Amino acid sequence: MNNLLFAWGYATPLAAELSKPIKRVSVEFANPNVGPSSVALWRSDGTGLRLRTEMHDVAVKREVGVLIFEHLSTLRPGETLVDVASFQDRIVVSKLLIHESGTTGESGIVLKASSGGEIVVVAGAFPYSLAVLGVPSMPHLFEPEYPIDLYTRVPFV
C-alpha cells in the first residue's frame, strides 16, 4: 500500500506546530466559487502556517489531495482574516486519512479547541482547493474531495 504524507520540510514536528494556539485564520480564494486555495493559521506572535493541497494520481481518473504546510509571517493581499478566540489555548490535532485505490493519503486535519470547537481543513472537491469548516464568519463552501464520512480520523502526535 502507498502512503501519501503531509508535505512539511521543517525540523520542528508538524504535530507540535499545529497544536500551538492560534488567534486568527485567513483564507485565500483563487476562485470564490470552488473553495479556498489556501488557509493560514495565525498565532499571537504574528507567525503562522499556510495550508494548501497538492494532487496525486493514484489510479486512472483517480487522484487524492494531500495537504502541504509552510511557515509564513505576512498576510497576502486579498486574504480574508477571522478571529478564532476559542483556539488560543490547548489544541488537539487529528489527521484525516482517505483510502483510495490502494493508497492512503493524509488529506486533512481537525483542530479541536479545549472549548470543544473544531476547525476542519481537508482537500476540496475541486483540484487544488480546500474545504474548511468551523471558522465563524468565513466565506466558504464545504465541499471535501470525498464525502466526509469516508475519511478516517486518527490522532496526530
C-alpha atoms as a PDB file:
ATOM      1  CA  MET A   1       0.000   0.000   0.000  1.00  0.00           C
ATOM      2  CA  ASN A   2       1.242   3.503  -0.858  1.00  0.00           C
ATOM      3  CA  ASN A   3       1.181   6.305   1.698  1.00  0.00           C
ATOM      4  CA  LEU A   4       0.985   9.939   0.644  1.00  0.00           C
ATOM      5  CA  LEU A   5       2.168  12.014   3.601  1.00  0.00           C
ATOM      6  CA  PHE A   6       1.664  15.650   4.529  1.00  0.00           C
ATOM      7  CA  ALA A   7       4.364  17.827   2.942  1.00  0.00           C
ATOM      8  CA  TRP A   8       6.409  19.508   5.686  1.00  0.00           C
ATOM      9  CA  GLY A   9      10.048  20.486   5.276  1.00  0.00           C
ATOM     10  CA  TYR A  10      10.998  21.871   8.693  1.00  0.00           C
ATOM     11  CA  ALA A  11      12.852  20.464  11.724  1.00  0.00           C
ATOM     12  CA  THR A  12      10.009  21.007  14.225  1.00  0.00           C
ATOM     13  CA  PRO A  13       7.456  18.177  14.150  1.00  0.00           C
ATOM     14  CA  LEU A  14       4.315  19.221  12.262  1.00  0.00           C
ATOM     15  CA  ALA A  15       2.044  17.952  15.054  1.00  0.00           C
ATOM     16  CA  ALA A  16       3.775  20.325  17.501  1.00  0.00           C
ATOM     17  CA  GLU A  17       3.331  23.263  15.118  1.00  0.00           C
ATOM     18  CA  LEU A  18      -0.369  22.535  14.578  1.00  0.00           C
ATOM     19  CA  SER A  19      -1.086  22.196  18.300  1.00  0.00           C
ATOM     20  CA  LYS A  20       0.154  25.733  19.061  1.00  0.00           C
ATOM     21  CA  PRO A  21      -2.633  28.189  19.949  1.00  0.00           C
ATOM     22  CA  ILE A  22      -3.998  30.218  17.055  1.00  0.00           C
ATOM     23  CA  LYS A  23      -5.568  33.658  17.184  1.00  0.00           C
ATOM     24  CA  ARG A  24      -6.782  34.107  13.620  1.00  0.00           C
ATOM     25  CA  VAL A  25      -7.431  32.172  10.433  1.00  0.00           C
ATOM     26  CA  SER A  26      -7.126  33.627   6.949  1.00  0.00           C
ATOM     27  CA  VAL A  27      -8.264  32.240   3.617  1.00  0.00           C
ATOM     28  CA  GLU A  28      -7.244  32.981   0.073  1.00  0.00           C
ATOM     29  CA  PHE A  29      -9.502  32.310  -2.892  1.00  0.00           C
ATOM     30  CA  ALA A  30      -8.164  31.770  -6.408  1.00  0.00           C
ATOM     31  CA  ASN A  31     -11.789  31.278  -7.483  1.00  0.00           C
ATOM     32  CA  PRO A  32     -14.524  32.059  -4.905  1.00  0.00           C
ATOM     33  CA  ASN A  33     -16.882  29.527  -6.493  1.00  0.00           C
ATOM     34  CA  VAL A  34     -14.697  26.479  -5.740  1.00  0.00           C
ATOM     35  CA  GLY A  35     -13.472  26.988  -2.164  1.00  0.00           C
ATOM     36  CA  PRO A  36     -10.259  28.437  -0.753  1.00  0.00           C
ATOM     37  CA  SER A  37      -6.923  27.813  -2.435  1.00  0.00           C
ATOM     38  CA  SER A  38      -5.119  28.217   0.895  1.00  0.00           C
ATOM     39  CA  VAL A  39      -5.776  28.656   4.598  1.00  0.00           C
ATOM     40  CA  ALA A  40      -3.397  30.201   7.127  1.00  0.00           C
ATOM     41  CA  LEU A  41      -3.404  29.627  10.878  1.00  0.00           C
ATOM     42  CA  TRP A  42      -2.070  32.740  12.666  1.00  0.00           C
ATOM     43  CA  ARG A  43      -0.527  32.841  16.127  1.00  0.00           C
ATOM     44  CA  SER A  44      -0.460  35.786  18.528  1.00  0.00           C
ATOM     45  CA  ASP A  45       3.243  36.413  17.728  1.00  0.00           C
ATOM     46  CA  GLY A  46       2.363  37.150  14.071  1.00  0.00           C
ATOM     47  CA  THR A  47       3.709  33.881  12.654  1.00  0.00           C
ATOM     48  CA  GLY A  48       1.600  31.238  11.020  1.00  0.00           C
ATOM     49  CA  LEU A  49       1.215  28.113   8.936  1.00  0.00           C
ATOM     50  CA  ARG A  50      -0.182  28.103   5.415  1.00  0.00           C
ATOM     51  CA  LEU A  51      -2.089  25.022   4.260  1.00  0.00           C
ATOM     52  CA  ARG A  52      -2.779  24.157   0.653  1.00  0.00           C
ATOM     53  CA  THR A  53      -3.262  20.964  -1.275  1.00  0.00           C
ATOM     54  CA  GLU A  54      -1.297  19.028  -3.858  1.00  0.00           C
ATOM     55  CA  MET A  55      -2.934  16.456  -6.113  1.00  0.00           C
ATOM     56  CA  HIS A  56      -1.540  12.925  -6.586  1.00  0.00           C
ATOM     57  CA  ASP A  57      -2.687  10.462  -9.233  1.00  0.00           C
ATOM     58  CA  VAL A  58      -3.414   7.094  -7.606  1.00  0.00           C
ATOM     59  CA  ALA A  59      -5.230   5.306 -10.462  1.00  0.00           C
ATOM     60  CA  VAL A  60      -6.733   6.077 -13.855  1.00  0.00           C
ATOM     61  CA  LYS A  61      -9.056   9.070 -13.364  1.00  0.00           C
ATOM     62  CA  ARG A  62      -8.477   8.910  -9.591  1.00  0.00           C
ATOM     63  CA  GLU A  63      -6.488  11.398  -7.569  1.00  0.00           C
ATOM     64  CA  VAL A  64      -6.051  12.266  -3.915  1.00  0.00           C
ATOM     65  CA  GLY A  65      -5.354  15.679  -2.437  1.00  0.00           C
ATOM     66  CA  VAL A  66      -2.652  15.813   0.251  1.00  0.00           C
ATOM     67  CA  LEU A  67      -2.014  18.851   2.435  1.00  0.00           C
ATOM     68  CA  ILE A  68       1.149  20.939   2.167  1.00  0.00           C
ATOM     69  CA  PHE A  69       2.242  23.091   5.124  1.00  0.00           C
ATOM     70  CA  GLU A  70       4.661  26.017   5.221  1.00  0.00           C
ATOM     71  CA  HIS A  71       5.721  28.715   7.700  1.00  0.00           C
ATOM     72  CA  LEU A  72       4.743  32.297   6.972  1.00  0.00           C
ATOM     73  CA  SER A  73       4.882  35.724   8.557  1.00  0.00           C
ATOM     74  CA  THR A  74       2.863  38.003   6.275  1.00  0.00           C
ATOM     75  CA  LEU A  75      -0.733  38.120   5.156  1.00  0.00           C
ATOM     76  CA  ARG A  76      -1.261  38.064   1.389  1.00  0.00           C
ATOM     77  CA  PRO A  77      -3.298  40.820  -0.261  1.00  0.00           C
ATOM     78  CA  GLY A  78      -6.943  39.823  -0.582  1.00  0.00           C
ATOM     79  CA  GLU A  79      -6.946  37.222   2.197  1.00  0.00           C
ATOM     80  CA  THR A  80      -9.984  37.196   4.495  1.00  0.00           C
ATOM     81  CA  LEU A  81      -8.938  37.258   8.180  1.00  0.00           C
ATOM     82  CA  VAL A  82     -11.163  35.951  11.007  1.00  0.00           C
ATOM     83  CA  ASP A  83     -10.568  35.835  14.784  1.00  0.00           C
ATOM     84  CA  VAL A  84     -10.889  32.405  16.426  1.00  0.00           C
ATOM     85  CA  ALA A  85     -10.805  33.218  20.149  1.00  0.00           C
ATOM     86  CA  SER A  86     -11.630  29.684  21.315  1.00  0.00           C
ATOM     87  CA  PHE A  87      -8.409  28.289  19.780  1.00  0.00           C
ATOM     88  CA  GLN A  88      -5.994  30.341  21.907  1.00  0.00           C
ATOM     89  CA  ASP A  89      -5.474  27.539  24.430  1.00  0.00           C
ATOM     90  CA  ARG A  90      -4.511  23.885  24.019  1.00  0.00           C
ATOM     91  CA  ILE A  91      -5.366  22.384  20.615  1.00  0.00           C
ATOM     92  CA  VAL A  92      -5.707  18.651  19.961  1.00  0.00           C
ATOM     93  CA  VAL A  93      -4.861  17.709  16.373  1.00  0.00           C
ATOM     94  CA  SER A  94      -6.165  14.797  14.309  1.00  0.00           C
ATOM     95  CA  LYS A  95      -5.328  13.732  10.760  1.00  0.00           C
ATOM     96  CA  LEU A  96      -7.977  12.890   8.190  1.00  0.00           C
ATOM     97  CA  LEU A  97      -6.876   9.950   6.046  1.00  0.00           C
ATOM     98  CA  ILE A  98      -8.509   8.861   2.806  1.00  0.00           C
ATOM     99  CA  HIS A  99      -8.067   5.386   1.337  1.00  0.00           C
ATOM    100  CA  GLU A 100      -8.308   5.224  -2.458  1.00  0.00           C
ATOM    101  CA  SER A 101      -7.108   2.606  -4.956  1.00  0.00           C
ATOM    102  CA  GLY A 102      -4.552   1.029  -2.606  1.00  0.00           C
ATOM    103  CA  THR A 103      -3.231   4.394  -1.422  1.00  0.00           C
ATOM    104  CA  THR A 104      -3.704   6.170   1.893  1.00  0.00           C
ATOM    105  CA  GLY A 105      -3.453   9.952   1.704  1.00  0.00           C
ATOM    106  CA  GLU A 106      -3.067  12.424   4.551  1.00  0.00           C
ATOM    107  CA  SER A 107      -5.769  14.695   3.187  1.00  0.00           C
ATOM    108  CA  GLY A 108      -6.914  16.810   6.105  1.00  0.00           C
ATOM    109  CA  ILE A 109      -6.667  17.944   9.699  1.00  0.00           C
ATOM    110  CA  VAL A 110      -9.056  18.592  12.550  1.00  0.00           C
ATOM    111  CA  LEU A 111      -8.086  21.141  15.197  1.00  0.00           C
ATOM    112  CA  LYS A 112     -10.078  20.730  18.419  1.00  0.00           C
ATOM    113  CA  ALA A 113     -10.085  23.542  20.975  1.00  0.00           C
ATOM    114  CA  SER A 114     -10.341  22.931  24.716  1.00  0.00           C
ATOM    115  CA  SER A 115     -13.831  24.509  24.491  1.00  0.00           C
ATOM    116  CA  GLY A 116     -14.888  21.703  22.128  1.00  0.00           C
ATOM    117  CA  GLY A 117     -14.956  23.745  18.913  1.00  0.00           C
ATOM    118  CA  GLU A 118     -13.405  22.226  15.820  1.00  0.00           C
ATOM    119  CA  ILE A 119     -11.840  23.535  12.637  1.00  0.00           C
ATOM    120  CA  VAL A 120     -11.690  21.046   9.758  1.00  0.00           C
ATOM    121  CA  VAL A 121      -9.423  21.620   6.748  1.00  0.00           C
ATOM    122  CA  VAL A 122      -9.447  18.939   4.059  1.00  0.00           C
ATOM    123  CA  ALA A 123      -8.667  18.683   0.340  1.00  0.00           C
ATOM    124  CA  GLY A 124     -11.555  20.136  -1.645  1.00  0.00           C
ATOM    125  CA  ALA A 125     -13.760  18.674  -4.343  1.00  0.00           C
ATOM    126  CA  PHE A 126     -12.088  20.851  -6.968  1.00  0.00           C
ATOM    127  CA  PRO A 127      -8.376  20.314  -7.712  1.00  0.00           C
ATOM    128  CA  TYR A 128      -6.076  22.466  -5.580  1.00  0.00           C
ATOM    129  CA  SER A 129      -8.937  23.719  -3.413  1.00  0.00           C
ATOM    130  CA  LEU A 130      -9.650  23.217   0.273  1.00  0.00           C
ATOM    131  CA  ALA A 131     -12.843  22.587   2.208  1.00  0.00           C
ATOM    132  CA  VAL A 132     -12.958  24.455   5.538  1.00  0.00           C
ATOM    133  CA  LEU A 133     -15.486  24.013   8.317  1.00  0.00           C
ATOM    134  CA  GLY A 134     -15.764  25.556  11.786  1.00  0.00           C
ATOM    135  CA  VAL A 135     -14.363  29.058  11.229  1.00  0.00           C
ATOM    136  CA  PRO A 136     -17.045  31.622  12.150  1.00  0.00           C
ATOM    137  CA  SER A 137     -17.945  34.290   9.573  1.00  0.00           C
ATOM    138  CA  MET A 138     -15.735  32.591   6.993  1.00  0.00           C
ATOM    139  CA  PRO A 139     -16.979  32.785   3.423  1.00  0.00           C
ATOM    140  CA  HIS A 140     -16.500  29.250   2.152  1.00  0.00           C
ATOM    141  CA  LEU A 141     -18.008  26.221   0.564  1.00  0.00           C
ATOM    142  CA  PHE A 142     -17.559  22.975   2.477  1.00  0.00           C
ATOM    143  CA  GLU A 143     -17.119  20.566  -0.395  1.00  0.00           C
ATOM    144  CA  PRO A 144     -14.497  17.962   0.515  1.00  0.00           C
ATOM    145  CA  GLU A 145     -12.860  15.816  -2.149  1.00  0.00           C
ATOM    146  CA  TYR A 146     -14.653  12.728  -0.757  1.00  0.00           C
ATOM    147  CA  PRO A 147     -17.733  12.510   1.490  1.00  0.00           C
ATOM    148  CA  ILE A 148     -16.513  13.418   4.982  1.00  0.00           C
ATOM    149  CA  ASP A 149     -17.653  10.100   6.481  1.00  0.00           C
ATOM    150  CA  LEU A 150     -15.157   8.238   4.241  1.00  0.00           C
ATOM    151  CA  TYR A 151     -12.169   9.834   5.991  1.00  0.00           C
ATOM    152  CA  THR A 152     -10.506   8.053   8.890  1.00  0.00           C
ATOM    153  CA  ARG A 153      -9.765  10.370  11.798  1.00  0.00           C
ATOM    154  CA  VAL A 154      -6.606   9.493  13.734  1.00  0.00           C
ATOM    155  CA  PRO A 155      -4.710  11.337  16.497  1.00  0.00           C
ATOM    156  CA  PHE A 156      -1.722  13.344  15.253  1.00  0.00           C
ATOM    157  CA  VAL A 157       1.003  13.413  17.882  1.00  0.00           C
END
